[in-house]
Amino acid sequence: MPRWRSHTLVGLTLAISGVIGLWGIGFWSPELIREALADVSAETRNWYVSMGTLLQDVGAFGGIFAFTLLTARVGRRPAFAVAFLLGLGATIWTFGWLESPAQVLWMVPVLGFCNLMVFGGYSIYFPELYPTHLRSTGVGFCYNVGRIIAAVGPLTLGTLTVLFEDAGFASPFRSAAISLAGIYLVGVCVLPVAPETRGKPLPE
C-alpha cells in the first residue's frame, strides 16, 4: 500500500541519516584525538583515546535516554529534529575545535550524547509506523537496510579527506568530517512528511 511504502521511505531515511552520522563520523573520534594530540607522548595519547571512547559511550547512554524523555513531551518529529540538529552541531563543534587533552574529557562525551541521541528514537518510532502484520518486517527493513546503505559513510569520509588534502586544506580529515555531517540535514528534511505518532494507537 502507498501508506506503508511512504512510512518505509521515511523510516529508512531517518535511519540512514543517523547511522551515517555515527558510523561515518562519530566513531572516528579516536582518529580525531590522535590528530589533536599529536604533540604528546604516544602513551598519553593512547590513554586519552581510550578514555575518550569510554566517555563517548557514557554520553551515548545519556543521549538515548534523553530522547525517550523528550519525545514523550514534544512528540516524535520535534524530538528527531532536535536530535539531528544536535548531532550536526556537536560534530562541527568537536571536529572543528578539539585541540587539547582537557577538551577530550568533555567534548567527546557531548559528541556521543548528540550522535547517539537519535538512536533512542528508532526503537520507539519505527514500530509505530506499521500494522501488526508488517511491524517486525518494516522495523527490520528500515534499520538494517539503513545500516547497509550507511556503509558508504566511512568510504565517503575517506574520499572527502583525500579531496580536501589535494585541495590543500590544513586538516583534511576534520574538514571531511564536518562536510559529511550535512547528512543530518537529510534527516531533518524528511520530517515534514513523517507521520506524528505520539499518543496515537498503533496502526492495524
Protein backbone atom coordinates (compact mmCIF):
# COMPACT_ATOMS: atom_id res chain seq x y z
CA MET A 1 0.00 0.00 0.00
CA PRO A 2 1.21 3.57 -0.65
CA ARG A 3 0.83 4.39 3.05
CA TRP A 4 3.28 1.73 4.20
CA ARG A 5 5.62 2.49 1.32
CA SER A 6 5.72 6.12 2.40
CA HIS A 7 6.31 5.15 6.02
CA THR A 8 9.14 2.88 4.94
CA LEU A 9 10.87 5.61 2.96
CA VAL A 10 10.59 7.94 5.95
CA GLY A 11 11.96 5.35 8.36
CA LEU A 12 14.75 4.36 6.00
CA THR A 13 15.83 7.97 5.50
CA LEU A 14 15.86 8.62 9.24
CA ALA A 15 17.97 5.51 9.79
CA ILE A 16 20.45 6.34 7.03
CA SER A 17 20.94 9.89 8.33
CA GLY A 18 21.61 8.83 11.91
CA VAL A 19 23.75 5.79 11.15
CA ILE A 20 25.98 7.62 8.66
CA GLY A 21 26.35 10.40 11.22
CA LEU A 22 27.57 7.86 13.75
CA TRP A 23 29.50 5.31 11.68
CA GLY A 24 30.77 7.74 9.08
CA ILE A 25 31.83 10.46 11.52
CA GLY A 26 31.21 9.97 15.24
CA PHE A 27 33.00 6.64 15.56
CA TRP A 28 36.14 8.24 14.11
CA SER A 29 36.73 10.22 17.29
CA PRO A 30 39.86 8.16 18.15
CA GLU A 31 41.50 9.40 14.95
CA LEU A 32 40.46 12.94 15.81
CA ILE A 33 42.02 12.63 19.27
CA ARG A 34 45.25 11.21 17.84
CA GLU A 35 45.49 14.09 15.39
CA ALA A 36 44.69 16.72 18.02
CA LEU A 37 47.23 15.30 20.50
CA ALA A 38 49.99 14.58 18.01
CA ASP A 39 52.49 16.55 20.12
CA VAL A 40 52.10 14.49 23.32
CA SER A 41 53.70 11.14 24.06
CA ALA A 42 52.24 8.01 22.49
CA GLU A 43 51.38 6.62 25.92
CA THR A 44 49.47 9.75 26.92
CA ARG A 45 47.77 9.94 23.54
CA ASN A 46 46.61 6.33 23.77
CA TRP A 47 45.25 6.94 27.26
CA TYR A 48 43.14 9.84 26.02
CA VAL A 49 41.92 7.78 23.06
CA SER A 50 40.79 5.04 25.45
CA MET A 51 39.21 7.49 27.86
CA GLY A 52 37.53 9.34 25.01
CA THR A 53 35.97 6.11 23.76
CA LEU A 54 34.67 5.32 27.23
CA LEU A 55 33.26 8.80 27.75
CA GLN A 56 31.70 8.79 24.30
CA ASP A 57 29.77 5.66 25.28
CA VAL A 58 28.71 7.25 28.56
CA GLY A 59 27.45 10.27 26.65
CA ALA A 60 25.64 7.95 24.24
CA PHE A 61 23.74 6.34 27.10
CA GLY A 62 22.58 9.75 28.26
CA GLY A 63 21.59 10.86 24.77
CA ILE A 64 19.46 7.81 24.06
CA PHE A 65 17.70 8.16 27.40
CA ALA A 66 17.18 11.89 26.81
CA PHE A 67 15.42 11.17 23.52
CA THR A 68 12.85 8.99 25.29
CA LEU A 69 12.07 11.80 27.73
CA LEU A 70 11.94 14.46 25.03
CA THR A 71 9.73 12.55 22.61
CA ALA A 72 7.24 11.80 25.37
CA ARG A 73 6.84 15.53 25.92
CA VAL A 74 7.04 17.10 22.47
CA GLY A 75 6.33 14.29 20.02
CA ARG A 76 8.32 12.20 17.59
CA ARG A 77 9.03 14.69 14.83
CA PRO A 78 10.26 17.53 17.07
CA ALA A 79 12.44 15.09 19.03
CA PHE A 80 14.04 13.79 15.84
CA ALA A 81 14.62 17.36 14.65
CA VAL A 82 16.37 18.25 17.92
CA ALA A 83 18.47 15.08 17.80
CA PHE A 84 19.61 15.61 14.21
CA LEU A 85 20.45 19.26 14.77
CA LEU A 86 22.35 18.46 17.95
CA GLY A 87 24.25 15.76 16.06
CA LEU A 88 25.15 18.27 13.36
CA GLY A 89 26.19 20.95 15.83
CA ALA A 90 28.22 18.64 18.05
CA THR A 91 30.06 17.16 15.08
CA ILE A 92 31.00 20.56 13.66
CA TRP A 93 31.99 21.80 17.11
CA THR A 94 34.06 18.78 18.14
CA PHE A 95 35.81 18.12 14.84
CA GLY A 96 36.35 21.83 14.34
CA TRP A 97 37.71 22.85 17.71
CA LEU A 98 39.02 19.89 19.73
CA GLU A 99 42.69 20.68 20.32
CA SER A 100 43.78 19.81 23.88
CA PRO A 101 43.74 16.83 26.26
CA ALA A 102 41.33 18.58 28.61
CA GLN A 103 38.83 19.10 25.80
CA VAL A 104 38.77 15.37 25.11
CA LEU A 105 37.23 14.77 28.52
CA TRP A 106 34.17 16.92 27.92
CA MET A 107 33.78 17.45 24.18
CA VAL A 108 33.85 13.76 23.25
CA PRO A 109 31.08 12.73 25.68
CA VAL A 110 28.97 15.60 24.34
CA LEU A 111 29.61 14.25 20.85
CA GLY A 112 28.50 10.80 21.99
CA PHE A 113 25.36 12.24 23.59
CA CYS A 114 24.37 14.08 20.43
CA ASN A 115 25.41 11.46 17.84
CA LEU A 116 23.60 8.62 19.60
CA MET A 117 20.53 10.56 20.74
CA VAL A 118 18.63 9.80 17.55
CA PHE A 119 19.06 6.06 18.11
CA GLY A 120 16.70 6.34 21.06
CA GLY A 121 14.02 7.24 18.55
CA TYR A 122 14.37 4.29 16.21
CA SER A 123 13.11 1.68 18.65
CA ILE A 124 10.20 3.93 19.62
CA TYR A 125 9.16 5.33 16.27
CA PHE A 126 9.71 2.58 13.72
CA PRO A 127 7.25 0.10 15.30
CA GLU A 128 4.63 2.88 15.35
CA LEU A 129 4.80 3.18 11.56
CA TYR A 130 3.42 -0.28 10.78
CA PRO A 131 0.41 -2.51 11.44
CA THR A 132 0.88 -5.74 13.36
CA HIS A 133 1.36 -7.99 10.33
CA LEU A 134 4.12 -5.75 8.94
CA ARG A 135 5.70 -4.42 12.12
CA SER A 136 8.73 -6.66 12.55
CA THR A 137 9.43 -6.71 8.81
CA GLY A 138 9.10 -2.95 8.49
CA VAL A 139 11.25 -2.16 11.51
CA GLY A 140 13.92 -4.63 10.43
CA PHE A 141 13.94 -3.28 6.89
CA CYS A 142 14.24 0.38 7.91
CA TYR A 143 17.04 -0.12 10.38
CA ASN A 144 19.06 -2.89 8.75
CA VAL A 145 18.83 -1.68 5.17
CA GLY A 146 19.68 1.73 6.56
CA ARG A 147 22.79 0.23 8.13
CA ILE A 148 23.80 -1.43 4.87
CA ILE A 149 23.45 1.80 2.91
CA ALA A 150 25.24 3.69 5.69
CA ALA A 151 28.34 1.61 4.98
CA VAL A 152 29.15 4.24 2.37
CA GLY A 153 29.72 6.71 5.22
CA PRO A 154 33.28 5.70 6.11
CA LEU A 155 34.13 5.36 2.41
CA THR A 156 32.79 8.84 1.78
CA LEU A 157 34.77 10.22 4.71
CA GLY A 158 37.95 8.75 3.28
CA THR A 159 37.21 10.07 -0.20
CA LEU A 160 36.46 13.55 1.11
CA THR A 161 39.63 13.51 3.20
CA VAL A 162 41.70 12.81 0.07
CA LEU A 163 39.89 15.54 -1.86
CA PHE A 164 40.43 18.11 0.88
CA GLU A 165 44.08 17.07 1.17
CA ASP A 166 44.57 17.52 -2.56
CA ALA A 167 42.91 20.92 -2.27
CA GLY A 168 45.49 21.99 0.31
CA PHE A 169 43.32 22.10 3.44
CA ALA A 170 45.33 22.27 6.66
CA SER A 171 43.28 19.50 8.29
CA PRO A 172 41.58 17.47 5.54
CA PHE A 173 40.24 14.84 7.95
CA ARG A 174 38.46 17.43 10.09
CA SER A 175 37.12 19.24 7.03
CA ALA A 176 35.81 15.98 5.59
CA ALA A 177 34.03 15.07 8.83
CA ILE A 178 32.41 18.50 9.09
CA SER A 179 31.26 18.32 5.46
CA LEU A 180 29.82 14.83 5.84
CA ALA A 181 27.88 15.99 8.90
CA GLY A 182 25.47 17.58 6.44
CA ILE A 183 23.83 14.13 6.29
CA TYR A 184 21.96 15.10 9.45
CA LEU A 185 20.08 17.72 7.43
CA VAL A 186 18.70 14.96 5.22
CA GLY A 187 17.00 13.54 8.31
CA VAL A 188 15.62 16.96 9.18
CA CYS A 189 14.28 17.49 5.66
CA VAL A 190 12.21 14.28 5.68
CA LEU A 191 10.44 15.15 8.94
CA PRO A 192 7.69 17.34 7.41
CA VAL A 193 6.32 14.25 5.64
CA ALA A 194 6.88 11.90 8.58
CA PRO A 195 3.70 10.90 10.44
CA GLU A 196 3.44 12.08 14.04
CA THR A 197 2.61 9.03 16.14
CA ARG A 198 2.76 10.25 19.73
CA GLY A 199 -0.47 9.50 21.58
CA LYS A 200 -1.98 7.64 18.64
CA PRO A 201 -2.91 3.95 18.54
CA LEU A 202 -0.70 1.61 16.58
CA PRO A 203 -1.96 1.14 13.01
CA GLU A 204 -3.88 -2.08 12.36
